[in-house]
Protein backbone atom coordinates (compact mmCIF):
# COMPACT_ATOMS: atom_id res chain seq x y z
CA MET A 1 -50.90 17.50 14.84
CA GLU A 2 -50.91 13.93 13.64
CA THR A 3 -47.68 11.96 13.82
CA THR A 4 -46.71 8.69 12.23
CA GLU A 5 -44.93 5.95 14.09
CA PRO A 6 -41.67 4.79 12.44
CA PRO A 7 -41.81 1.28 10.99
CA PRO A 8 -40.51 -1.55 13.15
CA ALA A 9 -36.79 -2.26 12.89
CA GLU A 10 -37.34 -5.70 11.41
CA THR A 11 -39.47 -4.23 8.59
CA VAL A 12 -36.82 -1.69 7.72
CA SER A 13 -34.09 -4.34 7.68
CA LYS A 14 -36.19 -6.57 5.41
CA THR A 15 -37.07 -4.05 2.72
CA ALA A 16 -34.42 -1.32 2.83
CA ALA A 17 -31.76 -1.48 0.14
CA ALA A 18 -29.17 0.22 2.37
CA PRO A 19 -27.41 -2.14 4.80
CA VAL A 20 -26.63 -0.94 8.30
CA LEU A 21 -24.29 -2.31 10.94
CA ASP A 22 -26.85 -4.31 12.91
CA THR A 23 -27.03 -7.95 13.97
CA GLN A 24 -29.04 -9.24 11.02
CA ASN A 25 -26.84 -7.53 8.43
CA VAL A 26 -23.70 -8.97 10.02
CA LEU A 27 -25.33 -12.41 9.99
CA TRP A 28 -26.38 -12.08 6.34
CA TYR A 29 -22.96 -11.03 5.08
CA PHE A 30 -21.03 -13.47 7.26
CA GLY A 31 -23.39 -16.32 6.43
CA ALA A 32 -23.10 -15.73 2.68
CA LEU A 33 -19.31 -15.56 2.79
CA ALA A 34 -19.07 -18.62 5.06
CA GLY A 35 -21.41 -20.54 2.79
CA THR A 36 -19.32 -19.61 -0.23
CA GLY A 37 -16.17 -20.81 1.51
CA ALA A 38 -17.83 -24.11 2.33
CA SER A 39 -19.01 -24.44 -1.28
CA PHE A 40 -15.45 -23.95 -2.51
CA ALA A 41 -14.36 -26.68 -0.09
CA VAL A 42 -16.95 -29.01 -1.61
CA VAL A 43 -15.67 -28.26 -5.12
CA ALA A 44 -12.09 -28.90 -3.99
CA GLN A 45 -13.05 -32.45 -3.00
CA VAL A 46 -13.97 -33.39 -6.59
CA SER A 47 -11.94 -36.32 -7.83
CA GLY A 48 -8.81 -35.36 -9.76
CA ALA A 49 -9.69 -37.84 -12.52
CA ALA A 50 -12.25 -35.52 -14.11
CA ARG A 51 -11.72 -32.17 -12.49
CA GLY A 52 -12.44 -30.06 -15.58
CA LEU A 53 -15.91 -31.49 -16.23
CA TRP A 54 -17.06 -31.99 -12.67
CA ILE A 55 -15.74 -28.69 -11.34
CA LEU A 56 -17.50 -26.94 -14.21
CA LEU A 57 -20.77 -28.74 -13.38
CA ALA A 58 -20.37 -28.13 -9.64
CA SER A 59 -19.60 -24.44 -10.17
CA LEU A 60 -22.57 -23.98 -12.49
CA ALA A 61 -24.78 -25.80 -9.99
CA PHE A 62 -23.74 -23.46 -7.18
CA ILE A 63 -24.22 -20.42 -9.42
CA ALA A 64 -27.71 -21.62 -10.34
CA ALA A 65 -28.57 -22.32 -6.69
CA TYR A 66 -27.33 -18.89 -5.61
CA ALA A 67 -29.23 -17.21 -8.45
CA LEU A 68 -32.45 -19.00 -7.51
CA ALA A 69 -32.08 -18.14 -3.82
CA ALA A 70 -31.29 -14.50 -4.63
CA THR A 71 -34.30 -14.24 -6.97
CA LEU A 72 -36.69 -15.70 -4.41
CA LEU A 73 -35.39 -13.46 -1.62
CA ILE A 74 -35.50 -10.27 -3.69
CA ARG A 75 -39.01 -10.98 -4.98
CA SER A 76 -40.08 -11.60 -1.37
CA GLY A 77 -38.79 -8.19 -0.34
CA TRP A 78 -35.56 -9.35 1.30
CA LEU A 79 -33.36 -7.02 -0.73
CA ILE A 80 -30.18 -7.12 1.33
CA PRO A 81 -29.77 -10.90 1.84
CA GLY A 82 -30.85 -11.47 -1.76
CA GLY A 83 -28.31 -8.96 -3.02
CA VAL A 84 -25.55 -10.43 -0.86
CA ILE A 85 -26.20 -13.93 -2.20
CA ALA A 86 -26.31 -12.67 -5.80
CA ALA A 87 -23.02 -10.85 -5.31
CA THR A 88 -21.24 -13.81 -3.72
CA ALA A 89 -22.33 -16.00 -6.63
CA VAL A 90 -19.86 -13.99 -8.73
CA THR A 91 -17.00 -15.68 -6.87
CA PHE A 92 -17.82 -18.97 -8.62
CA VAL A 93 -17.45 -17.47 -12.10
CA PRO A 94 -13.62 -17.66 -12.32
CA LEU A 95 -13.74 -21.25 -11.06
CA ALA A 96 -16.30 -22.20 -13.72
CA VAL A 97 -14.35 -20.44 -16.49
CA ALA A 98 -11.10 -22.06 -15.40
CA ALA A 99 -12.74 -25.50 -15.44
CA PHE A 100 -14.17 -24.82 -18.90
CA GLU A 101 -10.76 -23.79 -20.24
CA VAL A 102 -9.23 -26.99 -18.86
CA LEU A 103 -12.08 -29.05 -20.31
CA VAL A 104 -11.69 -27.69 -23.86
CA GLY A 105 -7.89 -27.77 -23.73
CA LEU A 106 -7.26 -24.03 -23.54
CA ALA A 107 -5.47 -24.44 -20.20
CA SER A 108 -3.81 -27.20 -18.24
CA GLY A 109 -3.80 -28.08 -14.59
CA ASN A 110 -6.45 -28.23 -11.88
CA PRO A 111 -8.88 -25.29 -11.75
CA ALA A 112 -9.45 -25.81 -8.02
CA PRO A 113 -6.84 -26.56 -5.34
CA THR A 114 -6.74 -29.90 -3.57
CA SER A 115 -5.02 -30.90 -0.38
CA GLU A 116 -2.48 -32.87 -2.45
CA SER A 117 -1.65 -29.89 -4.65
CA ILE A 118 -1.28 -27.61 -1.65
CA VAL A 119 1.17 -30.04 -0.01
CA ALA A 120 3.10 -30.35 -3.26
CA VAL A 121 3.48 -26.60 -3.51
CA GLU A 122 4.65 -26.38 0.09
CA GLU A 123 7.28 -29.09 -0.43
CA GLN A 124 8.95 -27.55 -3.45
CA GLN A 125 9.91 -24.12 -4.69
CA PRO A 126 7.03 -22.73 -6.77
CA PRO A 127 7.95 -21.83 -10.35
CA VAL A 128 8.40 -18.20 -11.24
CA ALA A 129 5.90 -17.04 -13.84
CA HIS A 130 7.21 -15.02 -16.77
CA GLY A 131 5.32 -13.25 -19.51
CA PHE A 132 1.67 -12.49 -19.96
CA ASP A 133 -0.67 -14.84 -18.06
CA TRP A 134 -3.59 -14.94 -20.45
CA HIS A 135 -5.31 -17.64 -18.40
CA GLY A 136 -5.42 -15.59 -15.19
CA PHE A 137 -6.26 -12.48 -17.20
CA SER A 138 -9.28 -14.16 -18.79
CA LEU A 139 -10.57 -15.30 -15.38
CA ALA A 140 -10.32 -11.79 -13.98
CA VAL A 141 -12.07 -10.28 -17.02
CA ALA A 142 -14.86 -12.88 -16.76
CA THR A 143 -15.32 -11.99 -13.08
CA VAL A 144 -15.62 -8.28 -13.89
CA ALA A 145 -18.18 -9.00 -16.63
CA ALA A 146 -20.20 -11.27 -14.36
CA GLY A 147 -20.14 -8.72 -11.54
CA LEU A 148 -21.39 -5.95 -13.81
CA ALA A 149 -24.14 -8.23 -15.09
CA VAL A 150 -25.24 -9.05 -11.53
CA TYR A 151 -25.32 -5.36 -10.66
CA TRP A 152 -27.39 -4.60 -13.77
CA LEU A 153 -29.89 -7.26 -12.67
CA THR A 154 -30.01 -6.53 -8.92
CA ARG A 155 -28.69 -2.96 -8.52
CA TYR A 156 -27.02 -4.14 -5.31
CA SER A 157 -23.77 -2.28 -4.75
CA TYR A 158 -21.94 -4.96 -2.74
CA VAL A 159 -21.05 -6.72 -6.00
CA PHE A 160 -18.65 -3.86 -6.75
CA LEU A 161 -16.33 -5.24 -4.08
CA TRP A 162 -15.66 -8.23 -6.35
CA VAL A 163 -15.72 -6.08 -9.49
CA ALA A 164 -13.11 -3.71 -8.07
CA ILE A 165 -10.84 -6.52 -6.84
CA ALA A 166 -11.10 -8.34 -10.17
CA THR A 167 -10.42 -5.10 -12.07
CA LEU A 168 -7.30 -4.56 -9.97
CA LEU A 169 -6.16 -8.07 -10.94
CA VAL A 170 -6.94 -7.36 -14.61
CA VAL A 171 -4.64 -4.35 -14.57
CA GLU A 172 -1.84 -6.13 -12.70
CA LEU A 173 -2.04 -9.21 -14.93
CA PHE A 174 -1.93 -7.01 -18.03
CA VAL A 175 1.41 -5.42 -17.04
CA PRO A 176 3.55 -8.24 -18.56
CA ALA A 177 1.78 -7.67 -21.88
CA VAL A 178 3.46 -4.24 -21.98
CA ASP A 179 6.63 -5.06 -20.03
CA SER A 180 7.72 -8.68 -20.39
CA SER A 181 9.79 -8.59 -17.19
CA PRO A 182 8.23 -5.98 -14.90
CA SER A 183 10.14 -5.17 -11.73
CA THR A 184 8.55 -5.08 -8.29
CA GLU A 185 8.67 -1.30 -8.35
CA THR A 186 6.86 -1.23 -11.70
CA ARG A 187 4.11 -3.46 -10.38
CA VAL A 188 3.79 -1.34 -7.23
CA ASP A 189 3.59 1.84 -9.33
CA VAL A 190 0.82 0.26 -11.41
CA LEU A 191 -0.94 -0.75 -8.20
CA PHE A 192 -0.62 2.81 -6.91
CA GLY A 193 -1.91 4.31 -10.16
CA THR A 194 -4.83 1.89 -10.22
CA GLY A 195 -5.67 2.88 -6.65
CA LEU A 196 -5.76 6.53 -7.67
CA ALA A 197 -8.01 5.66 -10.61
CA PHE A 198 -10.37 3.73 -8.32
CA VAL A 199 -10.59 6.67 -5.92
CA ALA A 200 -11.36 8.91 -8.90
CA ILE A 201 -14.14 6.51 -9.95
CA GLY A 202 -15.48 6.63 -6.41
CA LEU A 203 -15.39 10.43 -6.36
CA TYR A 204 -17.32 10.54 -9.63
CA ALA A 205 -19.87 8.09 -8.22
CA ASP A 206 -20.18 10.29 -5.12
CA TRP A 207 -20.80 13.30 -7.35
CA ARG A 208 -23.50 11.29 -9.14
CA ALA A 209 -25.08 10.52 -5.74
CA ALA A 210 -24.22 6.80 -6.04
CA ARG A 211 -22.65 6.64 -2.59
CA ARG A 212 -23.10 2.92 -2.01
CA GLU A 213 -21.41 2.04 -5.31
CA ALA A 214 -18.67 4.59 -4.64
CA PHE A 215 -17.81 3.04 -1.27
CA TRP A 216 -16.36 -0.16 -2.73
CA TRP A 217 -14.21 1.71 -5.26
CA HIS A 218 -12.95 3.92 -2.45
CA LEU A 219 -12.25 0.93 -0.21
CA VAL A 220 -10.25 -1.11 -2.76
CA GLY A 221 -8.56 2.00 -4.13
CA LEU A 222 -7.44 3.20 -0.71
CA TRP A 223 -6.09 -0.25 0.14
CA ALA A 224 -4.10 -0.23 -3.12
CA LEU A 225 -2.73 3.22 -2.29
CA THR A 226 -1.82 2.05 1.22
CA LEU A 227 0.10 -0.93 -0.16
CA GLY A 228 1.89 1.33 -2.64
CA PHE A 229 2.84 3.81 0.07
CA SER A 230 4.00 0.99 2.34
CA TYR A 231 6.38 -0.31 -0.32
CA HIS A 232 7.88 3.10 -1.06
CA VAL A 233 8.25 3.85 2.64
CA ALA A 234 10.15 0.59 3.12
CA VAL A 235 12.41 1.31 0.13
CA HIS A 236 12.92 5.06 0.38
CA SER A 237 12.57 5.58 4.15
CA SER A 238 12.18 9.26 5.17
CA PRO A 239 10.89 10.72 1.87
CA GLY A 240 8.26 7.99 1.83
CA TRP A 241 6.99 8.94 5.29
CA ILE A 242 6.60 12.56 4.16
CA PHE A 243 4.31 11.46 1.33
CA VAL A 244 2.37 9.25 3.75
CA VAL A 245 1.68 12.23 6.02
CA ALA A 246 0.64 14.40 3.07
CA ALA A 247 -1.66 11.69 1.75
CA GLY A 248 -3.15 11.22 5.23
CA ILE A 249 -3.95 14.92 5.51
CA VAL A 250 -5.57 14.93 2.05
CA ALA A 251 -7.61 11.82 2.86
CA LEU A 252 -8.76 13.27 6.18
CA GLY A 253 -9.86 16.47 4.45
CA LEU A 254 -11.76 14.49 1.84
CA SER A 255 -13.44 12.46 4.58
CA ILE A 256 -14.93 15.70 5.93
CA GLU A 257 -16.00 16.92 2.51
CA LEU A 258 -17.48 13.59 1.44
CA ARG A 259 -18.65 12.39 4.85
CA ARG A 260 -16.67 9.21 4.24
CA ALA A 261 -15.54 7.18 7.26
CA SER A 262 -13.30 5.07 4.99
CA PHE A 263 -11.28 8.17 4.05
CA ALA A 264 -11.09 9.14 7.71
CA PHE A 265 -9.71 5.71 8.66
CA PHE A 266 -6.99 5.70 6.00
CA GLY A 267 -6.25 9.38 6.58
CA LEU A 268 -5.72 8.84 10.29
CA LEU A 269 -3.60 5.78 9.49
CA GLY A 270 -1.43 7.94 7.24
CA ILE A 271 -1.02 10.63 9.90
CA TYR A 272 -0.67 8.38 12.92
CA SER A 273 1.77 5.75 11.61
CA PRO A 274 4.63 8.18 10.76
CA PHE A 275 4.18 9.88 14.12
CA VAL A 276 4.47 6.53 15.90
CA HIS A 277 7.49 5.64 13.76
CA TYR A 278 9.46 8.76 14.70
CA SER A 279 8.18 9.28 18.25
CA ASP A 280 10.68 6.84 19.75
CA ASP A 281 13.60 8.76 18.20
CA TRP A 282 12.18 12.15 19.12
CA PHE A 283 10.85 11.56 22.64
CA GLY A 284 12.38 8.33 24.00
CA ASN A 285 10.57 5.53 25.79
CA LEU A 286 8.75 7.73 28.30
CA GLY A 287 7.98 10.59 25.96
CA ILE A 288 6.39 8.42 23.30
CA ALA A 289 3.42 7.60 25.54
CA PHE A 290 2.85 11.30 26.30
CA ALA A 291 3.28 12.25 22.63
CA LEU A 292 0.77 9.64 21.47
CA ALA A 293 -1.67 10.77 24.15
CA VAL A 294 -1.37 14.37 22.92
CA LEU A 295 -1.92 13.23 19.33
CA GLY A 296 -4.95 11.18 20.37
CA PHE A 297 -6.55 14.13 22.15
CA ALA A 298 -5.75 16.35 19.15
CA ILE A 299 -7.59 13.91 16.89
CA LEU A 300 -10.48 13.91 19.37
CA ALA A 301 -10.56 17.72 19.22
CA VAL A 302 -10.70 17.62 15.42
CA GLY A 303 -13.66 15.26 15.67
CA ILE A 304 -15.44 17.66 18.02
CA SER A 305 -14.75 20.53 15.62
CA VAL A 306 -16.16 18.59 12.68
CA GLN A 307 -19.25 17.70 14.71
CA GLN A 308 -19.83 21.33 15.70
CA SER A 309 -19.40 22.53 12.12
CA GLY A 310 -22.24 20.25 11.02
CA GLY A 311 -23.05 20.59 7.35
CA ARG A 312 -21.09 23.82 6.90
CA LEU A 313 -17.82 22.01 6.13
CA SER A 314 -19.08 18.89 4.41
CA GLY A 315 -21.00 17.62 1.43
CA ARG A 316 -19.84 20.18 -1.10
CA LEU A 317 -18.24 17.59 -3.40
CA ALA A 318 -21.20 15.24 -3.44
CA ARG A 319 -24.14 16.12 -5.67
CA PRO A 320 -27.45 15.65 -3.83
CA ALA A 321 -29.69 12.82 -4.93
CA VAL A 322 -32.46 13.72 -7.34
């Protein structure tokens, strides 16, 4: 019986569209993000005398350079680094739009922070913003549109990290358009509802077998839910912890069904944190260590059970790829 040798690891990493947690992928993602941070630092050094024009030109230059590099890499078969660079180029879009709005007189102020402006903010109380911030809203909308365009061109799912974050900002910035003076609780409730909507989008993407795209909606949505739960726990104390435990159990169950490590992480966080919170009151200083050890071994046992069950308990909510 003839067998075929698997392709070398470096060939798989070069051509596969699915990133894995190996050295080269870590280097690609970290390098792209570090390069973007350095590029922002370069833009921030532009003279304040003509910040609108020159920041616009600098931002467009970086976008063009990133687009060219991404195109060359993708056409050469380097799908992952090319996709990462294309996705990180989206981060320059709000800066370019802000500079354009300043240039044409639609907005005032500096579109990019400088060391002088940062010191000025630190030395005085920042003003409290009231009403609908159309300027920030337009930047977030432009980022979403640019991210969707990049995905349409590259089909690389990492761009949905920026799309999801910008969409979250769009929703939050739109709140004052409905409620001119929204309270903190209102904003947190909107954040919580948006998180639920993002998880729902991710579940639909899972059902459509778009697991890579779904991951970023799940990640941002679960973080939004975690922040919402954290606020309500701090305000409402015990009832909030009960909801945290319930949400953790639901998330852990979904992690088994969907084979999602992100759900498992947030689910365990929801189950573990209330137990740690109350263990000191229930068991005292010595008992808390024993209680946490018991909980840890119980979680380990659940992991063994899930492993033994194999495919019998998972994958029923995700439609297979066609």
